[in-house]
Amino acid sequence: MIEIPLTTDPEQLFRCAVNGVPYNWRVLYNARAECWAIDLRDENENLLVADVRILGGVDLFQQYPDIPLKNVYYISQLTPWQDPTATNLGTTARLYVLTEAEVAEVFSG
């Protein structure tokens, strides 16, 4: 399990490697839509995905087969499928890259 370091800051820009591959992350809170979204770029700043809404209980990048990141899940300590709020991202709710076994364990109950 790899945790992607997030906070409740409404605009977050950072670099975080996953399995040795560096990615540039932009995580934004849209107050009007009351949702968080991710833009992801490779180390050369090529845009891989844009405006991917952070939802609980789904692999956020599953719909993008061209990027190597899989099993990226937002997980709330209260319920794994709950969407993030403006105030719980990075606190009681976090973003993880999981293995297949971890996905099965988290969502089996």
PDB file of N, CA and C in Angstrom:
ATOM      1  N   MET A   1       0.851  -1.170   0.000  1.00  0.00           N
ATOM      2  CA  MET A   1       0.000   0.000   0.000  1.00  0.00           C
ATOM      3  C   MET A   1       0.901   1.238   0.000  1.00  0.00           C
ATOM      4  N   ILE A   2       0.616   2.135  -0.913  1.00  0.00           N
ATOM      5  CA  ILE A   2       1.351   3.391  -1.018  1.00  0.00           C
ATOM      6  C   ILE A   2       0.354   4.518  -0.778  1.00  0.00           C
ATOM      7  N   GLU A   3       0.652   5.386   0.169  1.00  0.00           N
ATOM      8  CA  GLU A   3      -0.239   6.525   0.405  1.00  0.00           C
ATOM      9  C   GLU A   3       0.234   7.716  -0.405  1.00  0.00           C
ATOM     10  N   ILE A   4      -0.697   8.357  -1.091  1.00  0.00           N
ATOM     11  CA  ILE A   4      -0.424   9.598  -1.800  1.00  0.00           C
ATOM     12  C   ILE A   4      -0.666  10.715  -0.782  1.00  0.00           C
ATOM     13  N   PRO A   5       0.340  11.533  -0.475  1.00  0.00           N
ATOM     14  CA  PRO A   5       0.203  12.514   0.611  1.00  0.00           C
ATOM     15  C   PRO A   5      -0.692  13.688   0.228  1.00  0.00           C
ATOM     16  N   LEU A   6      -1.842  13.763   0.877  1.00  0.00           N
ATOM     17  CA  LEU A   6      -2.787  14.846   0.618  1.00  0.00           C
ATOM     18  C   LEU A   6      -3.113  15.595   1.898  1.00  0.00           C
ATOM     19  N   THR A   7      -3.596  16.816   1.726  1.00  0.00           N
ATOM     20  CA  THR A   7      -4.039  17.646   2.839  1.00  0.00           C
ATOM     21  C   THR A   7      -5.397  18.235   2.470  1.00  0.00           C
ATOM     22  N   THR A   8      -5.911  19.098   3.328  1.00  0.00           N
ATOM     23  CA  THR A   8      -7.167  19.778   3.016  1.00  0.00           C
ATOM     24  C   THR A   8      -6.933  21.099   2.278  1.00  0.00           C
ATOM     25  N   ASP A   9      -5.689  21.378   1.928  1.00  0.00           N
ATOM     26  CA  ASP A   9      -5.389  22.577   1.140  1.00  0.00           C
ATOM     27  C   ASP A   9      -6.168  22.487  -0.171  1.00  0.00           C
ATOM     28  N   PRO A  10      -6.937  23.522  -0.543  1.00  0.00           N
ATOM     29  CA  PRO A  10      -7.783  23.422  -1.745  1.00  0.00           C
ATOM     30  C   PRO A  10      -7.037  23.349  -3.070  1.00  0.00           C
ATOM     31  N   GLU A  11      -5.737  23.667  -3.086  1.00  0.00           N
ATOM     32  CA  GLU A  11      -4.927  23.457  -4.290  1.00  0.00           C
ATOM     33  C   GLU A  11      -3.580  22.901  -3.866  1.00  0.00           C
ATOM     34  N   GLN A  12      -3.312  21.677  -4.290  1.00  0.00           N
ATOM     35  CA  GLN A  12      -2.091  20.983  -3.908  1.00  0.00           C
ATOM     36  C   GLN A  12      -1.312  20.606  -5.154  1.00  0.00           C
ATOM     37  N   LEU A  13      -0.048  20.981  -5.179  1.00  0.00           N
ATOM     38  CA  LEU A  13       0.851  20.635  -6.274  1.00  0.00           C
ATOM     39  C   LEU A  13       2.052  19.935  -5.657  1.00  0.00           C
ATOM     40  N   PHE A  14       2.343  18.723  -6.114  1.00  0.00           N
ATOM     41  CA  PHE A  14       3.459  17.988  -5.539  1.00  0.00           C
ATOM     42  C   PHE A  14       3.892  16.871  -6.470  1.00  0.00           C
ATOM     43  N   ARG A  15       5.085  16.354  -6.215  1.00  0.00           N
ATOM     44  CA  ARG A  15       5.623  15.209  -6.945  1.00  0.00           C
ATOM     45  C   ARG A  15       5.613  14.018  -6.004  1.00  0.00           C
ATOM     46  N   CYS A  16       5.126  12.893  -6.487  1.00  0.00           N
ATOM     47  CA  CYS A  16       5.089  11.670  -5.694  1.00  0.00           C
ATOM     48  C   CYS A  16       5.321  10.490  -6.627  1.00  0.00           C
ATOM     49  N   ALA A  17       6.328   9.694  -6.309  1.00  0.00           N
ATOM     50  CA  ALA A  17       6.626   8.512  -7.111  1.00  0.00           C
ATOM     51  C   ALA A  17       5.770   7.341  -6.648  1.00  0.00           C
ATOM     52  N   VAL A  18       5.337   6.552  -7.605  1.00  0.00           N
ATOM     53  CA  VAL A  18       4.592   5.328  -7.327  1.00  0.00           C
ATOM     54  C   VAL A  18       5.313   4.194  -8.033  1.00  0.00           C
ATOM     55  N   ASN A  19       5.745   3.202  -7.243  1.00  0.00           N
ATOM     56  CA  ASN A  19       6.509   2.072  -7.780  1.00  0.00           C
ATOM     57  C   ASN A  19       7.714   2.542  -8.590  1.00  0.00           C
ATOM     58  N   GLY A  20       8.373   3.589  -8.086  1.00  0.00           N
ATOM     59  CA  GLY A  20       9.580   4.098  -8.719  1.00  0.00           C
ATOM     60  C   GLY A  20       9.360   5.044  -9.884  1.00  0.00           C
ATOM     61  N   VAL A  21       8.126   5.286 -10.253  1.00  0.00           N
ATOM     62  CA  VAL A  21       7.815   6.187 -11.367  1.00  0.00           C
ATOM     63  C   VAL A  21       7.343   7.526 -10.800  1.00  0.00           C
ATOM     64  N   PRO A  22       8.045   8.629 -11.122  1.00  0.00           N
ATOM     65  CA  PRO A  22       7.637   9.940 -10.588  1.00  0.00           C
ATOM     66  C   PRO A  22       6.446  10.517 -11.354  1.00  0.00           C
ATOM     67  N   TYR A  23       5.513  11.058 -10.595  1.00  0.00           N
ATOM     68  CA  TYR A  23       4.341  11.732 -11.161  1.00  0.00           C
ATOM     69  C   TYR A  23       4.209  13.095 -10.510  1.00  0.00           C
ATOM     70  N   ASN A  24       3.691  14.050 -11.274  1.00  0.00           N
ATOM     71  CA  ASN A  24       3.372  15.372 -10.754  1.00  0.00           C
ATOM     72  C   ASN A  24       1.855  15.435 -10.575  1.00  0.00           C
ATOM     73  N   TRP A  25       1.453  15.687  -9.354  1.00  0.00           N
ATOM     74  CA  TRP A  25       0.045  15.671  -8.974  1.00  0.00           C
ATOM     75  C   TRP A  25      -0.447  17.095  -8.756  1.00  0.00           C
ATOM     76  N   ARG A  26      -1.666  17.337  -9.177  1.00  0.00           N
ATOM     77  CA  ARG A  26      -2.378  18.573  -8.845  1.00  0.00           C
ATOM     78  C   ARG A  26      -3.740  18.132  -8.339  1.00  0.00           C
ATOM     79  N   VAL A  27      -4.032  18.464  -7.104  1.00  0.00           N
ATOM     80  CA  VAL A  27      -5.303  18.094  -6.485  1.00  0.00           C
ATOM     81  C   VAL A  27      -6.013  19.390  -6.109  1.00  0.00           C
ATOM     82  N   LEU A  28      -7.225  19.535  -6.601  1.00  0.00           N
ATOM     83  CA  LEU A  28      -7.980  20.779  -6.411  1.00  0.00           C
ATOM     84  C   LEU A  28      -9.341  20.506  -5.794  1.00  0.00           C
ATOM     85  N   TYR A  29      -9.789  21.429  -4.959  1.00  0.00           N
ATOM     86  CA  TYR A  29     -11.151  21.359  -4.442  1.00  0.00           C
ATOM     87  C   TYR A  29     -11.998  22.367  -5.194  1.00  0.00           C
ATOM     88  N   ASN A  30     -13.105  21.900  -5.767  1.00  0.00           N
ATOM     89  CA  ASN A  30     -14.051  22.762  -6.462  1.00  0.00           C
ATOM     90  C   ASN A  30     -15.194  23.049  -5.491  1.00  0.00           C
ATOM     91  N   ALA A  31     -15.202  24.243  -4.917  1.00  0.00           N
ATOM     92  CA  ALA A  31     -16.207  24.592  -3.906  1.00  0.00           C
ATOM     93  C   ALA A  31     -17.613  24.632  -4.496  1.00  0.00           C
ATOM     94  N   ARG A  32     -17.740  25.060  -5.726  1.00  0.00           N
ATOM     95  CA  ARG A  32     -19.070  25.137  -6.349  1.00  0.00           C
ATOM     96  C   ARG A  32     -19.665  23.738  -6.519  1.00  0.00           C
ATOM     97  N   ALA A  33     -18.865  22.785  -7.006  1.00  0.00           N
ATOM     98  CA  ALA A  33     -19.347  21.412  -7.216  1.00  0.00           C
ATOM     99  C   ALA A  33     -19.193  20.551  -5.960  1.00  0.00           C
ATOM    100  N   GLU A  34     -18.493  21.088  -4.945  1.00  0.00           N
ATOM    101  CA  GLU A  34     -18.228  20.379  -3.692  1.00  0.00           C
ATOM    102  C   GLU A  34     -17.559  19.023  -3.948  1.00  0.00           C
ATOM    103  N   CYS A  35     -16.449  19.076  -4.721  1.00  0.00           N
ATOM    104  CA  CYS A  35     -15.726  17.843  -5.016  1.00  0.00           C
ATOM    105  C   CYS A  35     -14.241  18.132  -5.205  1.00  0.00           C
ATOM    106  N   TRP A  36     -13.446  17.084  -5.025  1.00  0.00           N
ATOM    107  CA  TRP A  36     -12.011  17.116  -5.269  1.00  0.00           C
ATOM    108  C   TRP A  36     -11.724  16.473  -6.615  1.00  0.00           C
ATOM    109  N   ALA A  37     -10.685  16.958  -7.304  1.00  0.00           N
ATOM    110  CA  ALA A  37     -10.303  16.375  -8.594  1.00  0.00           C
ATOM    111  C   ALA A  37      -8.781  16.355  -8.719  1.00  0.00           C
ATOM    112  N   ILE A  38      -8.301  15.446  -9.561  1.00  0.00           N
ATOM    113  CA  ILE A  38      -6.867  15.247  -9.769  1.00  0.00           C
ATOM    114  C   ILE A  38      -6.507  15.494 -11.229  1.00  0.00           C
ATOM    115  N   ASP A  39      -5.403  16.207 -11.415  1.00  0.00           N
ATOM    116  CA  ASP A  39      -4.695  16.267 -12.696  1.00  0.00           C
ATOM    117  C   ASP A  39      -3.383  15.536 -12.457  1.00  0.00           C
ATOM    118  N   LEU A  40      -2.990  14.692 -13.383  1.00  0.00           N
ATOM    119  CA  LEU A  40      -1.776  13.903 -13.215  1.00  0.00           C
ATOM    120  C   LEU A  40      -0.892  14.078 -14.442  1.00  0.00           C
ATOM    121  N   ARG A  41       0.392  14.379 -14.189  1.00  0.00           N
ATOM    122  CA  ARG A  41       1.370  14.547 -15.262  1.00  0.00           C
ATOM    123  C   ARG A  41       2.554  13.631 -15.006  1.00  0.00           C
ATOM    124  N   ASP A  42       3.233  13.269 -16.095  1.00  0.00           N
ATOM    125  CA  ASP A  42       4.450  12.473 -15.926  1.00  0.00           C
ATOM    126  C   ASP A  42       5.600  13.399 -15.544  1.00  0.00           C
ATOM    127  N   GLU A  43       6.792  12.844 -15.378  1.00  0.00           N
ATOM    128  CA  GLU A  43       7.928  13.647 -14.923  1.00  0.00           C
ATOM    129  C   GLU A  43       8.347  14.721 -15.921  1.00  0.00           C
ATOM    130  N   ASN A  44       7.929  14.594 -17.184  1.00  0.00           N
ATOM    131  CA  ASN A  44       8.229  15.597 -18.210  1.00  0.00           C
ATOM    132  C   ASN A  44       7.102  16.601 -18.393  1.00  0.00           C
ATOM    133  N   GLU A  45       6.145  16.572 -17.452  1.00  0.00           N
ATOM    134  CA  GLU A  45       4.988  17.478 -17.457  1.00  0.00           C
ATOM    135  C   GLU A  45       3.983  17.200 -18.575  1.00  0.00           C
ATOM    136  N   ASN A  46       4.017  15.998 -19.158  1.00  0.00           N
ATOM    137  CA  ASN A  46       2.987  15.608 -20.121  1.00  0.00           C
ATOM    138  C   ASN A  46       1.731  15.231 -19.346  1.00  0.00           C
ATOM    139  N   LEU A  47       0.605  15.812 -19.722  1.00  0.00           N
ATOM    140  CA  LEU A  47      -0.654  15.546 -19.038  1.00  0.00           C
ATOM    141  C   LEU A  47      -1.116  14.118 -19.322  1.00  0.00           C
ATOM    142  N   LEU A  48      -1.348  13.353 -18.264  1.00  0.00           N
ATOM    143  CA  LEU A  48      -1.831  11.971 -18.389  1.00  0.00           C
ATOM    144  C   LEU A  48      -3.344  11.899 -18.227  1.00  0.00           C
ATOM    145  N   VAL A  49      -3.869  12.582 -17.219  1.00  0.00           N
ATOM    146  CA  VAL A  49      -5.317  12.673 -16.993  1.00  0.00           C
ATOM    147  C   VAL A  49      -5.606  14.036 -16.386  1.00  0.00           C
ATOM    148  N   ALA A  50      -6.808  14.532 -16.642  1.00  0.00           N
ATOM    149  CA  ALA A  50      -7.198  15.838 -16.120  1.00  0.00           C
ATOM    150  C   ALA A  50      -8.582  15.772 -15.501  1.00  0.00           C
ATOM    151  N   ASP A  51      -8.718  16.467 -14.401  1.00  0.00           N
ATOM    152  CA  ASP A  51     -10.013  16.659 -13.752  1.00  0.00           C
ATOM    153  C   ASP A  51     -10.715  15.342 -13.413  1.00  0.00           C
ATOM    154  N   VAL A  52      -9.957  14.395 -12.871  1.00  0.00           N
ATOM    155  CA  VAL A  52     -10.535  13.117 -12.449  1.00  0.00           C
ATOM    156  C   VAL A  52     -11.100  13.321 -11.049  1.00  0.00           C
ATOM    157  N   ARG A  53     -12.392  13.196 -10.947  1.00  0.00           N
ATOM    158  CA  ARG A  53     -13.060  13.409  -9.655  1.00  0.00           C
ATOM    159  C   ARG A  53     -12.672  12.307  -8.671  1.00  0.00           C
ATOM    160  N   ILE A  54     -12.386  12.697  -7.433  1.00  0.00           N
ATOM    161  CA  ILE A  54     -12.051  11.740  -6.389  1.00  0.00           C
ATOM    162  C   ILE A  54     -13.349  11.220  -5.781  1.00  0.00           C
ATOM    163  N   LEU A  55     -13.606   9.947  -6.001  1.00  0.00           N
ATOM    164  CA  LEU A  55     -14.807   9.287  -5.499  1.00  0.00           C
ATOM    165  C   LEU A  55     -14.408   8.115  -4.622  1.00  0.00           C
ATOM    166  N   GLY A  56     -15.192   7.839  -3.610  1.00  0.00           N
ATOM    167  CA  GLY A  56     -14.897   6.717  -2.740  1.00  0.00           C
ATOM    168  C   GLY A  56     -15.308   5.396  -3.359  1.00  0.00           C
ATOM    169  N   GLY A  57     -14.475   4.380  -3.156  1.00  0.00           N
ATOM    170  CA  GLY A  57     -14.833   3.024  -3.545  1.00  0.00           C
ATOM    171  C   GLY A  57     -14.620   2.643  -4.989  1.00  0.00           C
ATOM    172  N   VAL A  58     -13.947   3.494  -5.769  1.00  0.00           N
ATOM    173  CA  VAL A  58     -13.680   3.152  -7.170  1.00  0.00           C
ATOM    174  C   VAL A  58     -12.207   3.379  -7.488  1.00  0.00           C
ATOM    175  N   ASP A  59     -11.687   2.598  -8.418  1.00  0.00           N
ATOM    176  CA  ASP A  59     -10.332   2.813  -8.915  1.00  0.00           C
ATOM    177  C   ASP A  59     -10.383   4.078  -9.770  1.00  0.00           C
ATOM    178  N   LEU A  60      -9.776   5.142  -9.295  1.00  0.00           N
ATOM    179  CA  LEU A  60      -9.923   6.443  -9.941  1.00  0.00           C
ATOM    180  C   LEU A  60      -9.428   6.480 -11.378  1.00  0.00           C
ATOM    181  N   PHE A  61      -8.399   5.681 -11.699  1.00  0.00           N
ATOM    182  CA  PHE A  61      -7.818   5.730 -13.040  1.00  0.00           C
ATOM    183  C   PHE A  61      -8.146   4.509 -13.887  1.00  0.00           C
ATOM    184  N   GLN A  62      -9.078   3.688 -13.457  1.00  0.00           N
ATOM    185  CA  GLN A  62      -9.430   2.474 -14.198  1.00  0.00           C
ATOM    186  C   GLN A  62      -9.898   2.784 -15.621  1.00  0.00           C
ATOM    187  N   GLN A  63     -10.564   3.893 -15.798  1.00  0.00           N
ATOM    188  CA  GLN A  63     -11.088   4.243 -17.123  1.00  0.00           C
ATOM    189  C   GLN A  63     -10.020   4.768 -18.088  1.00  0.00           C
ATOM    190  N   TYR A  64      -8.763   4.842 -17.606  1.00  0.00           N
ATOM    191  CA  TYR A  64      -7.661   5.341 -18.423  1.00  0.00           C
ATOM    192  C   TYR A  64      -6.633   4.223 -18.621  1.00  0.00           C
ATOM    193  N   PRO A  65      -6.839   3.332 -19.575  1.00  0.00           N
ATOM    194  CA  PRO A  65      -5.948   2.177 -19.736  1.00  0.00           C
ATOM    195  C   PRO A  65      -4.529   2.544 -20.195  1.00  0.00           C
ATOM    196  N   ASP A  66      -4.320   3.757 -20.689  1.00  0.00           N
ATOM    197  CA  ASP A  66      -2.998   4.137 -21.195  1.00  0.00           C
ATOM    198  C   ASP A  66      -2.024   4.582 -20.110  1.00  0.00           C
ATOM    199  N   ILE A  67      -2.519   4.779 -18.887  1.00  0.00           N
ATOM    200  CA  ILE A  67      -1.587   5.147 -17.826  1.00  0.00           C
ATOM    201  C   ILE A  67      -1.331   3.936 -16.934  1.00  0.00           C
ATOM    202  N   PRO A  68      -0.126   3.821 -16.409  1.00  0.00           N
ATOM    203  CA  PRO A  68       0.222   2.611 -15.655  1.00  0.00           C
ATOM    204  C   PRO A  68      -0.318   2.558 -14.234  1.00  0.00           C
ATOM    205  N   LEU A  69      -0.851   3.644 -13.716  1.00  0.00           N
ATOM    206  CA  LEU A  69      -1.372   3.631 -12.345  1.00  0.00           C
ATOM    207  C   LEU A  69      -2.714   2.906 -12.286  1.00  0.00           C
ATOM    208  N   LYS A  70      -2.772   1.896 -11.440  1.00  0.00           N
ATOM    209  CA  LYS A  70      -4.009   1.128 -11.252  1.00  0.00           C
ATOM    210  C   LYS A  70      -4.252   0.995  -9.757  1.00  0.00           C
ATOM    211  N   ASN A  71      -5.465   0.695  -9.397  1.00  0.00           N
ATOM    212  CA  ASN A  71      -5.855   0.492  -7.995  1.00  0.00           C
ATOM    213  C   ASN A  71      -5.549   1.716  -7.142  1.00  0.00           C
ATOM    214  N   VAL A  72      -5.915   2.887  -7.659  1.00  0.00           N
ATOM    215  CA  VAL A  72      -5.795   4.133  -6.905  1.00  0.00           C
ATOM    216  C   VAL A  72      -7.164   4.412  -6.296  1.00  0.00           C
ATOM    217  N   TYR A  73      -7.228   4.332  -4.973  1.00  0.00           N
ATOM    218  CA  TYR A  73      -8.496   4.442  -4.261  1.00  0.00           C
ATOM    219  C   TYR A  73      -8.435   5.505  -3.185  1.00  0.00           C
ATOM    220  N   TYR A  74      -9.512   6.267  -3.092  1.00  0.00           N
ATOM    221  CA  TYR A  74      -9.741   7.150  -1.967  1.00  0.00           C
ATOM    222  C   TYR A  74     -10.505   6.312  -0.943  1.00  0.00           C
ATOM    223  N   ILE A  75     -10.005   6.267   0.299  1.00  0.00           N
ATOM    224  CA  ILE A  75     -10.632   5.439   1.322  1.00  0.00           C
ATOM    225  C   ILE A  75     -10.868   6.262   2.580  1.00  0.00           C
ATOM    226  N   SER A  76     -12.120   6.295   3.003  1.00  0.00           N
ATOM    227  CA  SER A  76     -12.499   6.955   4.245  1.00  0.00           C
ATOM    228  C   SER A  76     -12.412   5.938   5.380  1.00  0.00           C
ATOM    229  N   GLN A  77     -11.972   6.370   6.545  1.00  0.00           N
ATOM    230  CA  GLN A  77     -11.930   5.478   7.699  1.00  0.00           C
ATOM    231  C   GLN A  77     -13.338   5.092   8.151  1.00  0.00           C
ATOM    232  N   LEU A  78     -14.329   5.902   7.820  1.00  0.00           N
ATOM    233  CA  LEU A  78     -15.699   5.613   8.226  1.00  0.00           C
ATOM    234  C   LEU A  78     -16.328   4.551   7.329  1.00  0.00           C
ATOM    235  N   THR A  79     -16.335   4.798   6.043  1.00  0.00           N
ATOM    236  CA  THR A  79     -16.824   3.827   5.058  1.00  0.00           C
ATOM    237  C   THR A  79     -15.985   3.974   3.798  1.00  0.00           C
ATOM    238  N   PRO A  80     -15.475   2.873   3.242  1.00  0.00           N
ATOM    239  CA  PRO A  80     -14.560   2.956   2.101  1.00  0.00           C
ATOM    240  C   PRO A  80     -15.149   3.617   0.859  1.00  0.00           C
ATOM    241  N   TRP A  81     -16.438   3.636   0.711  1.00  0.00           N
ATOM    242  CA  TRP A  81     -17.052   4.147  -0.522  1.00  0.00           C
ATOM    243  C   TRP A  81     -17.556   5.581  -0.378  1.00  0.00           C
ATOM    244  N   GLN A  82     -17.350   6.220   0.773  1.00  0.00           N
ATOM    245  CA  GLN A  82     -17.782   7.594   0.990  1.00  0.00           C
ATOM    246  C   GLN A  82     -16.882   8.556   0.213  1.00  0.00           C
ATOM    247  N   ASP A  83     -17.474   9.546  -0.461  1.00  0.00           N
ATOM    248  CA  ASP A  83     -16.703  10.548  -1.192  1.00  0.00           C
ATOM    249  C   ASP A  83     -16.054  11.525  -0.212  1.00  0.00           C
ATOM    250  N   PRO A  84     -14.934  12.139  -0.598  1.00  0.00           N
ATOM    251  CA  PRO A  84     -14.274  13.081   0.305  1.00  0.00           C
ATOM    252  C   PRO A  84     -15.076  14.371   0.471  1.00  0.00           C
ATOM    253  N   THR A  85     -14.893  14.983   1.618  1.00  0.00           N
ATOM    254  CA  THR A  85     -15.499  16.288   1.878  1.00  0.00           C
ATOM    255  C   THR A  85     -14.415  17.349   1.801  1.00  0.00           C
ATOM    256  N   ALA A  86     -14.800  18.583   1.952  1.00  0.00           N
ATOM    257  CA  ALA A  86     -13.835  19.686   1.914  1.00  0.00           C
ATOM    258  C   ALA A  86     -12.842  19.605   3.058  1.00  0.00           C
ATOM    259  N   THR A  87     -13.200  18.915   4.138  1.00  0.00           N
ATOM    260  CA  THR A  87     -12.367  18.947   5.340  1.00  0.00           C
ATOM    261  C   THR A  87     -11.742  17.621   5.749  1.00  0.00           C
ATOM    262  N   ASN A  88     -12.030  16.512   5.048  1.00  0.00           N
ATOM    263  CA  ASN A  88     -11.468  15.241   5.519  1.00  0.00           C
ATOM    264  C   ASN A  88     -10.376  14.646   4.628  1.00  0.00           C
ATOM    265  N   LEU A  89     -10.088  15.254   3.493  1.00  0.00           N
ATOM    266  CA  LEU A  89      -9.058  14.725   2.610  1.00  0.00           C
ATOM    267  C   LEU A  89      -7.693  14.823   3.289  1.00  0.00           C
ATOM    268  N   GLY A  90      -7.011  13.687   3.383  1.00  0.00           N
ATOM    269  CA  GLY A  90      -5.705  13.645   4.011  1.00  0.00           C
ATOM    270  C   GLY A  90      -5.747  13.507   5.524  1.00  0.00           C
ATOM    271  N   THR A  91      -6.938  13.527   6.109  1.00  0.00           N
ATOM    272  CA  THR A  91      -7.062  13.358   7.560  1.00  0.00           C
ATOM    273  C   THR A  91      -7.721  12.012   7.849  1.00  0.00           C
ATOM    274  N   THR A  92      -9.046  11.979   7.905  1.00  0.00           N
ATOM    275  CA  THR A  92      -9.744  10.704   8.126  1.00  0.00           C
ATOM    276  C   THR A  92      -9.987   9.964   6.827  1.00  0.00           C
ATOM    277  N   ALA A  93      -9.588  10.564   5.732  1.00  0.00           N
ATOM    278  CA  ALA A  93      -9.739   9.939   4.423  1.00  0.00           C
ATOM    279  C   ALA A  93      -8.465  10.179   3.626  1.00  0.00           C
ATOM    280  N   ARG A  94      -8.004   9.110   2.968  1.00  0.00           N
ATOM    281  CA  ARG A  94      -6.713   9.211   2.293  1.00  0.00           C
ATOM    282  C   ARG A  94      -6.762   8.551   0.909  1.00  0.00           C
ATOM    283  N   LEU A  95      -5.758   8.870   0.111  1.00  0.00           N
ATOM    284  CA  LEU A  95      -5.634   8.307  -1.227  1.00  0.00           C
ATOM    285  C   LEU A  95      -4.506   7.292  -1.222  1.00  0.00           C
ATOM    286  N   TYR A  96      -4.807   6.079  -1.718  1.00  0.00           N
ATOM    287  CA  TYR A  96      -3.839   4.984  -1.704  1.00  0.00           C
ATOM    288  C   TYR A  96      -3.732   4.328  -3.070  1.00  0.00           C
ATOM    289  N   VAL A  97      -2.558   3.788  -3.340  1.00  0.00           N
ATOM    290  CA  VAL A  97      -2.364   2.857  -4.445  1.00  0.00           C
ATOM    291  C   VAL A  97      -2.271   1.488  -3.784  1.00  0.00           C
ATOM    292  N   LEU A  98      -3.203   0.604  -4.116  1.00  0.00           N
ATOM    293  CA  LEU A  98      -3.325  -0.691  -3.459  1.00  0.00           C
ATOM    294  C   LEU A  98      -2.913  -1.830  -4.377  1.00  0.00           C
ATOM    295  N   THR A  99      -2.551  -2.950  -3.777  1.00  0.00           N
ATOM    296  CA  THR A  99      -2.363  -4.181  -4.544  1.00  0.00           C
ATOM    297  C   THR A  99      -3.741  -4.818  -4.741  1.00  0.00           C
ATOM    298  N   GLU A 100      -3.818  -5.823  -5.603  1.00  0.00           N
ATOM    299  CA  GLU A 100      -5.094  -6.526  -5.817  1.00  0.00           C
ATOM    300  C   GLU A 100      -5.594  -7.154  -4.515  1.00  0.00           C
ATOM    301  N   ALA A 101      -4.683  -7.734  -3.723  1.00  0.00           N
ATOM    302  CA  ALA A 101      -5.064  -8.357  -2.460  1.00  0.00           C
ATOM    303  C   ALA A 101      -5.621  -7.309  -1.481  1.00  0.00           C
ATOM    304  N   GLU A 102      -5.010  -6.137  -1.449  1.00  0.00           N
ATOM    305  CA  GLU A 102      -5.487  -5.082  -0.566  1.00  0.00           C
ATOM    306  C   GLU A 102      -6.856  -4.570  -0.997  1.00  0.00           C
ATOM    307  N   VAL A 103      -7.090  -4.474  -2.295  1.00  0.00           N
ATOM    308  CA  VAL A 103      -8.411  -4.060  -2.791  1.00  0.00           C
ATOM    309  C   VAL A 103      -9.469  -5.038  -2.295  1.00  0.00           C
ATOM    310  N   ALA A 104      -9.197  -6.331  -2.442  1.00  0.00           N
ATOM    311  CA  ALA A 104     -10.150  -7.357  -2.002  1.00  0.00           C
ATOM    312  C   ALA A 104     -10.408  -7.261  -0.497  1.00  0.00           C
ATOM    313  N   GLU A 105      -9.360  -7.023   0.268  1.00  0.00           N
ATOM    314  CA  GLU A 105      -9.502  -6.940   1.731  1.00  0.00           C
ATOM    315  C   GLU A 105     -10.322  -5.715   2.159  1.00  0.00           C
ATOM    316  N   VAL A 106     -10.033  -4.561   1.574  1.00  0.00           N
ATOM    317  CA  VAL A 106     -10.715  -3.336   1.948  1.00  0.00           C
ATOM    318  C   VAL A 106     -12.199  -3.398   1.621  1.00  0.00           C
ATOM    319  N   PHE A 107     -12.528  -3.937   0.475  1.00  0.00           N
ATOM    320  CA  PHE A 107     -13.915  -3.884   0.006  1.00  0.00           C
ATOM    321  C   PHE A 107     -14.689  -5.173   0.231  1.00  0.00           C
ATOM    322  N   SER A 108     -14.164  -6.098   1.006  1.00  0.00           N
ATOM    323  CA  SER A 108     -14.875  -7.363   1.257  1.00  0.00           C
ATOM    324  C   SER A 108     -15.943  -7.204   2.326  1.00  0.00           C
ATOM    325  N   GLY A 109     -15.847  -6.227   3.177  1.00  0.00           N
ATOM    326  CA  GLY A 109     -16.794  -6.065   4.282  1.00  0.00           C
ATOM    327  C   GLY A 109     -17.767  -5.050   3.972  1.00  0.00           C
TER     328      GLY A 109
END
